[in-house]
């Protein structure tokens, strides 16, 4: 039996395992094909789907990109369009995830004391200064308004 026949047989077995809900076993078969240098885009597409279900987005993206490269060599197809869209969607999700990690909330759970009162924020935040001047301007303005009404 040739190498491609072995890969096809494993893919069929893995697909049956997926349908039976035994995804970890299916993943192991797809990974075995990938380790052997499988040139079937189906293998990498299924790897991408399973990795994505597990939240392993970087590995999913790598698998979908491999599937896309293989499929691209075969020429235009519906599968190629689907893979290109999948790769783009995962790239956006990874960018969004990176953006979410880079933006941090002003207060975190750690910024509260055991009594539930907010503690002073870390070094990046400073107390407001000059509030008295704003208060005086507001009081004078309010006083002028009240004097005008009376």
Protein backbone atom coordinates (compact mmCIF):
# COMPACT_ATOMS: atom_id res chain seq x y z
CA UNK A 1 0.00 0.00 0.00
CA UNK A 2 1.39 3.40 -1.01
CA UNK A 3 1.87 6.31 1.37
CA UNK A 4 -1.08 8.29 -0.02
CA UNK A 5 -3.31 5.26 0.45
CA UNK A 6 -2.24 5.09 4.11
CA UNK A 7 -3.08 8.80 4.52
CA UNK A 8 -6.49 8.35 2.89
CA UNK A 9 -7.23 5.36 5.13
CA UNK A 10 -6.25 7.31 8.26
CA UNK A 11 -8.37 10.26 7.17
CA UNK A 12 -11.38 8.00 6.70
CA UNK A 13 -10.83 6.40 10.10
CA UNK A 14 -10.34 9.81 11.75
CA UNK A 15 -13.50 11.14 10.10
CA UNK A 16 -15.48 8.18 11.48
CA UNK A 17 -14.01 8.81 14.94
CA UNK A 18 -15.03 12.47 14.73
CA UNK A 19 -18.60 11.51 13.88
CA UNK A 20 -18.58 9.16 16.89
CA UNK A 21 -17.46 12.05 19.12
CA UNK A 22 -13.98 10.61 19.70
CA UNK A 23 -12.20 13.76 18.60
CA UNK A 24 -8.98 13.22 20.57
CA UNK A 25 -8.38 9.94 18.72
CA UNK A 26 -9.25 11.56 15.40
CA UNK A 27 -6.82 14.38 16.13
CA UNK A 28 -4.05 11.86 16.80
CA UNK A 29 -4.60 10.25 13.38
CA UNK A 30 -4.62 13.59 11.55
CA UNK A 31 -1.46 14.62 13.41
CA UNK A 32 0.21 11.33 12.41
CA UNK A 33 -0.52 12.13 8.76
CA UNK A 34 0.84 15.66 9.18
CA UNK A 35 4.05 14.38 10.81
CA UNK A 36 4.61 12.12 7.81
CA UNK A 37 4.32 15.08 5.42
CA UNK A 38 0.82 14.37 4.15
CA UNK A 39 -0.08 16.35 1.03
CA UNK A 40 -3.87 16.12 1.43
CA UNK A 41 -5.52 19.44 2.24
CA UNK A 42 -8.38 17.59 3.97
CA UNK A 43 -6.01 16.43 6.73
CA UNK A 44 -4.90 19.96 7.56
CA UNK A 45 -8.39 21.39 7.26
CA UNK A 46 -9.68 18.90 9.83
CA UNK A 47 -6.66 19.57 12.05
CA UNK A 48 -7.53 23.27 11.89
CA UNK A 49 -11.15 22.63 12.83
CA UNK A 50 -10.21 20.45 15.80
CA UNK A 51 -7.54 22.87 17.04
CA UNK A 52 -9.98 25.75 16.73
CA UNK A 53 -12.57 23.83 18.78
CA UNK A 54 -9.91 23.40 21.48
CA UNK A 55 -9.10 27.13 21.44
CA UNK A 56 -5.63 26.56 19.96
CA UNK A 57 -6.00 29.34 17.42
CA UNK A 58 -2.33 29.64 16.45
CA UNK A 59 -2.12 25.93 15.64
CA UNK A 60 -5.47 26.11 13.83
CA UNK A 61 -4.23 29.00 11.70
CA UNK A 62 -1.05 27.11 10.82
CA UNK A 63 -3.06 24.04 9.81
CA UNK A 64 -5.53 26.05 7.70
CA UNK A 65 -2.67 27.89 5.99
CA UNK A 66 -1.03 24.56 5.12
CA UNK A 67 -4.34 23.28 3.74
CA UNK A 68 -4.70 26.50 1.71
CA UNK A 69 -1.18 26.17 0.25
CA UNK A 70 -1.83 22.56 -0.77
CA UNK A 71 -5.21 23.40 -2.27
CA UNK A 72 -3.77 26.43 -4.09
CA UNK A 73 -1.40 24.14 -6.00
CA UNK A 74 -4.44 22.26 -7.35
CA UNK A 75 -6.00 25.44 -8.72
CA UNK A 76 -9.19 27.39 -8.07
CA UNK A 77 -11.89 25.55 -6.15
CA UNK A 78 -14.69 26.07 -3.65
CA UNK A 79 -12.51 24.46 -1.00
CA UNK A 80 -9.75 26.99 -1.68
CA UNK A 81 -12.20 29.89 -1.27
CA UNK A 82 -13.46 28.38 1.98
CA UNK A 83 -9.91 27.92 3.28
CA UNK A 84 -8.90 31.48 2.37
CA UNK A 85 -11.92 32.79 4.29
CA UNK A 86 -11.11 30.55 7.24
CA UNK A 87 -7.50 31.78 7.34
CA UNK A 88 -8.60 35.43 7.19
CA UNK A 89 -11.18 34.93 9.95
CA UNK A 90 -8.64 33.28 12.23
CA UNK A 91 -6.10 36.02 11.58
CA UNK A 92 -8.71 38.60 12.62
CA UNK A 93 -9.56 36.62 15.77
CA UNK A 94 -5.90 36.40 16.72
CA UNK A 95 -5.44 40.14 16.13
CA UNK A 96 -8.51 40.87 18.27
CA UNK A 97 -7.19 38.60 21.00
CA UNK A 98 -3.82 40.37 20.94
CA UNK A 99 -5.56 43.75 21.08
CA UNK A 100 -7.68 42.67 24.06
CA UNK A 101 -4.57 41.54 25.92
CA UNK A 102 -2.83 44.85 25.27
CA UNK A 103 -5.69 46.93 26.65
CA UNK A 104 -6.09 46.56 30.38
CA UNK A 105 -8.93 47.83 32.54
CA UNK A 106 -8.29 50.80 34.84
CA UNK A 107 -9.32 48.81 37.91
CA UNK A 108 -8.75 45.13 38.28
CA UNK A 109 -9.83 42.79 41.05
CA UNK A 110 -6.43 43.30 42.67
CA UNK A 111 -7.04 47.03 43.03
CA UNK A 112 -9.70 46.51 45.70
CA UNK A 113 -8.96 46.01 49.37
CA UNK A 114 -10.46 43.17 51.38
CA UNK A 115 -13.16 45.57 52.62
CA UNK A 116 -14.31 46.11 49.04
CA UNK A 117 -13.10 49.72 48.82
CA UNK A 118 -11.02 50.72 45.85
CA UNK A 119 -7.34 51.14 46.55
CA UNK A 120 -5.13 53.67 44.89
CA UNK A 121 -4.25 52.68 41.39
CA UNK A 122 -0.72 51.77 40.41
CA UNK A 123 1.99 54.25 39.51
CA UNK A 124 0.56 55.19 36.10
CA UNK A 125 -2.39 57.08 37.59
CA UNK A 126 -2.19 60.34 39.45
CA UNK A 127 -4.65 62.23 41.63
CA UNK A 128 -6.40 65.19 40.11
CA UNK A 129 -4.98 68.59 40.90
CA UNK A 130 -6.60 71.96 40.43
CA UNK A 131 -10.12 70.89 41.33
CA UNK A 132 -10.49 73.81 43.77
CA UNK A 133 -10.19 76.30 40.92
CA UNK A 134 -12.92 74.54 38.96
CA UNK A 135 -15.11 74.47 42.06
CA UNK A 136 -14.63 78.21 42.63
CA UNK A 137 -15.51 79.01 39.03
CA UNK A 138 -18.62 76.88 39.36
CA UNK A 139 -19.59 78.56 42.67
CA UNK A 140 -19.09 82.05 41.24
CA UNK A 141 -21.08 81.13 38.19
CA UNK A 142 -23.85 79.64 40.33
CA UNK A 143 -23.77 82.66 42.64
CA UNK A 144 -24.09 84.99 39.68
CA UNK A 145 -27.00 82.95 38.35
CA UNK A 146 -28.75 82.96 41.74
CA UNK A 147 -28.17 86.72 42.13
CA UNK A 148 -29.73 87.30 38.75
CA UNK A 149 -32.80 85.17 39.63
CA UNK A 150 -33.44 86.88 42.99
